[in-house]
Structure formats: C-alpha cells, structure tokens
C-alpha cells in the first residue's frame, strides 16, 4: 500500500469509539475508524486504485474515509470520485469530502470560497444521487498564520466558529453532516470559548499531532496506553464545566 504512504492519516477506531461520547453522555455511537485521504486526485490516477483503497479499508476495519476535494479535482475527477464513493458505500464505508483552508475563519472572500466549495459538493450529490458524499469534513487551520500563534492566542476562535456554523447551514440544506478537525490549543480556552466551540458542530475530531514517533522505542501496548491517557486528559479538558445538551461528540485523530 505504498501508494497511500504520503497521503493518509489514520484515526484509531477502538479508542475513538471509547472516547466519542459528548459530555451529555446520550447514546452510544458506533466506533469510528477513519482515514484521511490527501492528494486524492494523485492517488486515484493509478489503475484499480479505488479498488485497492477499498480493499485496504476493509482489511483495516476502516468505516469512514475523508477524501480531499479541491475545486479543481471536483470538476476534473468527478467520475473517479463517484466511482470511489460507490465502491466504498457497497462496503458500508461512509465518505466525507475533506475541505481545507487556512483563512476561512475570516469573513469575505476566504469564507465565501469555502462555502462555494460546500455548494459544489451539494451539486455533485445532486448529479450522483447513488454515489453521493455523506458529509463535509473541515480542516480549517487559522492557527497556522503567524498572527494566531502563541499560547493562549485564540482571537481567531469566533471567526472559526462562524465558519463552522455557516458551513453547517449550507450542508444541512443538502442533508450533509459536518465534522471538523481541531487542535489541542482550542481546548485551552475558557468556559465560554469551549462552549462556543462545542456547540458549533455535532462532531469534532481532536488531532493529537506527534503523540508518538518511531524513535520513541515504545511497544504497541505502551503507545496504546499513552494514547488512552492523553485522550482522557484532553477530553476532560474539553468538557470540564459544560453541562449543555447537544455538545459536539469528539473522536481522536492521530498523525
């Protein structure tokens, strides 16, 4: 599976299932085992690449795939995307359109571009009702910009939440779910900031970047325990003091 080596992140399903409940504790969602597919246009160029991806997901127990879709790939790779979605759906694997931006927290052209992209996914679904995306998966990273770096610097959070809400409104009209990757930094806000974040979307994915590296010299069991401990710590941090209903469910993602 070398073709996917530079293009995917894996979200470990057993742990995600354990830690996916919101603070309200309502219901027990099915465990999530997700895969981020970056540079999908390149990956899908190979012969039988969609079949290979489907086989990989089945072998690894993956039940969600987040397929990166740019405005260019949406138009030029339409038939390949529809073919991939059809194959994955037949194996009971959900497919979300992975949309990225570093600036969509800002109102105006950047957010408008993202919303237009969401509308493009909705139009794709209208044309491919049998092989449609199940949801939108957001990777908006304003914390990457220099003015937003530094501990405790969350001045971008209101704009980020506004972007989440705007995407949610557009997606809901087309019966698309919305999930968003977030960083640990966002969990370090005060009670009102965390409430703002956790009520903006029904689901969030907390990215635990570089929790372990190949040079750590740890056994799989030690790494799994490290992940359990870190996940519990950060989920407690996220929901501490919040008793609101309908808070976002959160799963854990690893790089």
Protein backbone atom coordinates (compact mmCIF):
# COMPACT_ATOMS: atom_id res chain seq x y z
CA UNK A 1 0.00 0.00 0.00
CA UNK A 2 2.94 2.35 -0.61
CA UNK A 3 0.73 4.49 -2.86
CA UNK A 4 -1.05 5.83 0.23
CA UNK A 5 2.00 6.41 2.40
CA UNK A 6 2.24 10.18 1.91
CA UNK A 7 -1.45 10.78 1.59
CA UNK A 8 -3.27 9.40 4.63
CA UNK A 9 -3.66 9.85 8.35
CA UNK A 10 -5.26 7.10 10.38
CA UNK A 11 -7.80 7.69 13.15
CA UNK A 12 -7.58 4.69 15.51
CA UNK A 13 -11.09 3.27 15.77
CA UNK A 14 -11.11 1.39 19.06
CA UNK A 15 -10.03 4.44 21.01
CA UNK A 16 -12.27 6.73 19.02
CA UNK A 17 -15.21 4.56 19.90
CA UNK A 18 -14.37 4.71 23.58
CA UNK A 19 -13.96 8.46 23.65
CA UNK A 20 -16.62 9.67 21.24
CA UNK A 21 -19.40 10.49 23.71
CA UNK A 22 -20.25 14.11 24.40
CA UNK A 23 -20.50 15.41 27.94
CA UNK A 24 -24.24 14.73 27.96
CA UNK A 25 -23.47 11.00 27.68
CA UNK A 26 -26.52 10.45 25.48
CA UNK A 27 -26.43 7.33 23.34
CA UNK A 28 -23.52 5.18 22.31
CA UNK A 29 -22.38 5.89 18.76
CA UNK A 30 -20.73 3.19 16.69
CA UNK A 31 -16.92 3.14 16.92
CA UNK A 32 -15.24 5.26 14.28
CA UNK A 33 -12.17 4.13 12.38
CA UNK A 34 -11.40 6.85 9.87
CA UNK A 35 -8.82 7.50 7.18
CA UNK A 36 -7.76 10.87 5.76
CA UNK A 37 -7.03 10.62 2.03
CA UNK A 38 -4.89 13.58 0.96
CA UNK A 39 -3.93 14.29 -2.66
CA UNK A 40 -6.82 12.11 -3.75
CA UNK A 41 -6.51 13.18 -7.40
CA UNK A 42 -2.99 11.68 -7.49
CA UNK A 43 -3.95 8.55 -5.58
CA UNK A 44 -6.92 7.79 -7.83
CA UNK A 45 -4.95 8.08 -11.06
CA UNK A 46 -3.45 4.61 -10.76
CA UNK A 47 -5.15 1.59 -12.33
CA UNK A 48 -7.59 -0.04 -9.90
CA UNK A 49 -6.51 2.49 -7.25
CA UNK A 50 -10.07 2.85 -5.96
CA UNK A 51 -10.34 -0.94 -5.62
CA UNK A 52 -7.01 -1.02 -3.76
CA UNK A 53 -8.18 1.69 -1.37
CA UNK A 54 -11.45 -0.16 -0.78
CA UNK A 55 -9.56 -3.39 -0.07
CA UNK A 56 -7.20 -1.58 2.31
CA UNK A 57 -10.12 -0.10 4.25
CA UNK A 58 -11.85 -3.47 4.55
CA UNK A 59 -8.66 -5.15 5.73
CA UNK A 60 -8.03 -2.46 8.38
CA UNK A 61 -11.62 -2.17 9.57
CA UNK A 62 -11.95 1.43 8.39
CA UNK A 63 -15.55 2.62 8.25
CA UNK A 64 -15.09 6.28 7.25
CA UNK A 65 -12.89 7.87 4.57
CA UNK A 66 -12.28 11.63 4.28
CA UNK A 67 -11.43 12.33 0.65
CA UNK A 68 -9.65 15.61 -0.10
CA UNK A 69 -11.55 17.53 -2.76
CA UNK A 70 -10.24 20.74 -4.30
CA UNK A 71 -12.26 22.91 -6.64
CA UNK A 72 -10.12 21.61 -9.49
CA UNK A 73 -10.37 17.91 -8.60
CA UNK A 74 -14.11 18.19 -8.05
CA UNK A 75 -14.54 19.12 -11.72
CA UNK A 76 -11.79 17.06 -13.38
CA UNK A 77 -12.06 13.92 -11.22
CA UNK A 78 -15.84 13.78 -10.94
CA UNK A 79 -16.25 10.30 -12.44
CA UNK A 80 -13.39 8.86 -10.38
CA UNK A 81 -14.80 10.34 -7.17
CA UNK A 82 -18.23 8.91 -7.92
CA UNK A 83 -16.69 5.51 -8.67
CA UNK A 84 -14.73 5.54 -5.41
CA UNK A 85 -17.75 6.57 -3.36
CA UNK A 86 -19.81 3.79 -4.93
CA UNK A 87 -17.18 1.16 -4.12
CA UNK A 88 -16.83 2.35 -0.52
CA UNK A 89 -20.57 2.57 0.04
CA UNK A 90 -21.00 -1.01 -1.15
CA UNK A 91 -18.60 -1.98 1.65
CA UNK A 92 -20.60 0.07 4.21
CA UNK A 93 -17.94 2.78 4.43
CA UNK A 94 -19.04 6.41 4.83
CA UNK A 95 -17.34 9.02 2.64
CA UNK A 96 -16.88 12.68 3.58
CA UNK A 97 -15.50 15.45 1.38
CA UNK A 98 -12.36 16.82 3.04
CA UNK A 99 -12.13 20.59 2.53
CA UNK A 100 -9.12 22.59 3.69
CA UNK A 101 -8.43 26.27 4.35
CA UNK A 102 -6.09 28.40 6.43
CA UNK A 103 -8.20 31.55 6.12
CA UNK A 104 -11.91 30.63 6.13
CA UNK A 105 -12.27 31.98 9.67
CA UNK A 106 -12.11 35.43 8.06
CA UNK A 107 -15.38 36.77 6.61
CA UNK A 108 -15.30 37.80 2.99
CA UNK A 109 -13.57 36.11 0.07
CA UNK A 110 -11.92 33.30 2.04
CA UNK A 111 -15.08 32.14 3.76
CA UNK A 112 -17.13 32.70 0.61
CA UNK A 113 -14.69 30.43 -1.27
CA UNK A 114 -15.18 27.67 1.30
CA UNK A 115 -18.97 27.98 1.21
CA UNK A 116 -18.92 27.86 -2.58
CA UNK A 117 -16.90 24.68 -2.32
CA UNK A 118 -19.52 23.20 0.02
CA UNK A 119 -22.21 24.13 -2.51
CA UNK A 120 -20.11 22.37 -5.14
CA UNK A 121 -20.24 19.18 -3.08
CA UNK A 122 -24.01 19.56 -2.81
CA UNK A 123 -24.23 19.94 -6.60
CA UNK A 124 -22.04 16.85 -7.03
CA UNK A 125 -24.52 14.94 -4.85
CA UNK A 126 -27.45 16.11 -6.96
CA UNK A 127 -25.76 14.70 -10.06
CA UNK A 128 -24.71 11.48 -8.34
CA UNK A 129 -27.57 10.60 -6.05
CA UNK A 130 -26.49 6.95 -5.86
CA UNK A 131 -22.82 7.74 -5.21
CA UNK A 132 -23.04 10.84 -3.04
CA UNK A 133 -20.83 12.21 -0.29
CA UNK A 134 -22.25 11.55 3.16
CA UNK A 135 -20.81 14.66 4.75
CA UNK A 136 -18.32 17.51 4.85
CA UNK A 137 -15.05 17.16 6.78
CA UNK A 138 -13.39 20.50 7.54
CA UNK A 139 -9.70 21.13 8.02
CA UNK A 140 -9.60 24.88 8.76
CA UNK A 141 -6.33 25.92 10.38
CA UNK A 142 -6.14 29.65 11.21
CA UNK A 143 -3.66 28.78 13.97
CA UNK A 144 -1.07 28.28 11.21
CA UNK A 145 -0.98 32.00 10.43
CA UNK A 146 1.73 34.00 12.27
CA UNK A 147 -0.71 36.39 13.94
CA UNK A 148 -2.53 33.45 15.57
CA UNK A 149 0.46 31.65 17.02
CA UNK A 150 1.42 31.64 20.68
CA UNK A 151 -0.03 30.07 23.84
CA UNK A 152 -3.48 31.32 24.74
CA UNK A 153 -3.90 33.21 21.46
CA UNK A 154 -7.46 32.29 20.47
CA UNK A 155 -8.54 35.57 18.93
CA UNK A 156 -9.41 33.66 15.75
CA UNK A 157 -11.89 31.37 17.54
CA UNK A 158 -15.09 33.45 16.99
CA UNK A 159 -14.36 33.61 13.26
CA UNK A 160 -13.62 29.89 13.13
CA UNK A 161 -16.91 29.11 14.87
CA UNK A 162 -18.75 31.43 12.47
CA UNK A 163 -17.22 29.46 9.58
CA UNK A 164 -18.34 26.18 11.14
CA UNK A 165 -21.88 27.50 11.57
CA UNK A 166 -22.01 28.84 8.02
CA UNK A 167 -20.88 25.50 6.57
CA UNK A 168 -23.35 23.67 8.79
CA UNK A 169 -26.23 25.80 7.47
CA UNK A 170 -25.32 25.21 3.82
CA UNK A 171 -24.67 21.49 4.37
CA UNK A 172 -27.91 20.91 6.27
CA UNK A 173 -29.94 22.03 3.27
CA UNK A 174 -28.40 19.15 1.32
CA UNK A 175 -28.59 16.61 4.17
CA UNK A 176 -24.81 16.54 4.61
CA UNK A 177 -23.25 16.02 8.03
CA UNK A 178 -20.37 18.25 9.14
CA UNK A 179 -17.26 17.22 11.08
CA UNK A 180 -14.16 19.35 11.70
CA UNK A 181 -10.59 18.69 12.74
CA UNK A 182 -9.49 20.79 15.72
CA UNK A 183 -6.25 21.18 17.66
CA UNK A 184 -5.46 20.84 21.37
CA UNK A 185 -4.94 24.61 21.54
CA UNK A 186 -8.69 25.15 21.16
CA UNK A 187 -9.40 23.12 24.30
CA UNK A 188 -7.37 25.51 26.42
CA UNK A 189 -9.91 28.31 26.16
CA UNK A 190 -12.15 29.45 28.98
CA UNK A 191 -15.62 28.03 29.64
CA UNK A 192 -17.39 30.36 27.21
CA UNK A 193 -14.86 29.76 24.46
CA UNK A 194 -15.15 25.99 24.81
CA UNK A 195 -18.95 26.22 24.89
CA UNK A 196 -18.85 28.30 21.70
CA UNK A 197 -16.72 25.66 20.01
CA UNK A 198 -18.53 22.58 21.26
CA UNK A 199 -21.99 23.84 20.29
CA UNK A 200 -20.99 24.87 16.77
CA UNK A 201 -21.00 21.39 15.20
CA UNK A 202 -22.39 17.98 16.13
CA UNK A 203 -18.99 16.32 15.80
CA UNK A 204 -15.34 17.33 16.14
CA UNK A 205 -12.09 15.42 15.64
CA UNK A 206 -9.28 16.26 18.03
CA UNK A 207 -5.92 15.87 16.29
CA UNK A 208 -3.17 14.61 18.60
CA UNK A 209 -0.19 15.50 16.47
CA UNK A 210 3.10 13.70 17.10
CA UNK A 211 1.90 11.91 20.21
CA UNK A 212 4.46 9.20 19.43
CA UNK A 213 7.28 8.96 16.93
CA UNK A 214 9.19 5.95 15.53
CA UNK A 215 12.19 6.95 17.65
CA UNK A 216 10.28 6.65 20.93
CA UNK A 217 11.21 2.99 21.25
CA UNK A 218 7.84 2.13 22.77
CA UNK A 219 5.93 -1.11 22.32
CA UNK A 220 2.46 -1.05 20.70
CA UNK A 221 0.97 -1.66 24.14
CA UNK A 222 2.86 1.31 25.62
CA UNK A 223 1.81 3.56 22.75
CA UNK A 224 -1.82 2.47 23.12
CA UNK A 225 -1.74 3.26 26.85
CA UNK A 226 -0.11 6.62 26.13
CA UNK A 227 -2.91 7.40 23.70
CA UNK A 228 -5.59 6.37 26.21
CA UNK A 229 -4.10 8.60 28.88
CA UNK A 230 -3.68 11.59 26.57
CA UNK A 231 -7.17 11.17 25.11
CA UNK A 232 -8.77 11.05 28.54
CA UNK A 233 -6.84 14.11 29.67
CA UNK A 234 -7.82 16.24 26.70
CA UNK A 235 -11.45 15.12 26.60
CA UNK A 236 -11.79 16.01 30.28
CA UNK A 237 -10.27 19.38 29.45
CA UNK A 238 -12.74 19.92 26.59
CA UNK A 239 -15.95 19.24 28.53
CA UNK A 240 -14.95 20.44 32.01
CA UNK A 241 -17.71 22.59 33.50
CA UNK A 242 -20.02 22.19 30.50
CA UNK A 243 -23.45 20.70 31.14
CA UNK A 244 -25.16 21.92 27.97
CA UNK A 245 -27.16 19.47 25.93
CA UNK A 246 -26.20 18.75 22.33
CA UNK A 247 -22.49 19.31 22.80
CA UNK A 248 -20.31 18.01 19.99
CA UNK A 249 -19.19 14.42 20.10
CA UNK A 250 -15.45 14.16 19.81
CA UNK A 251 -13.17 11.50 18.35
CA UNK A 252 -9.39 11.31 18.45
CA UNK A 253 -7.21 11.58 15.36
CA UNK A 254 -3.51 10.79 15.07
CA UNK A 255 -0.89 11.93 12.59
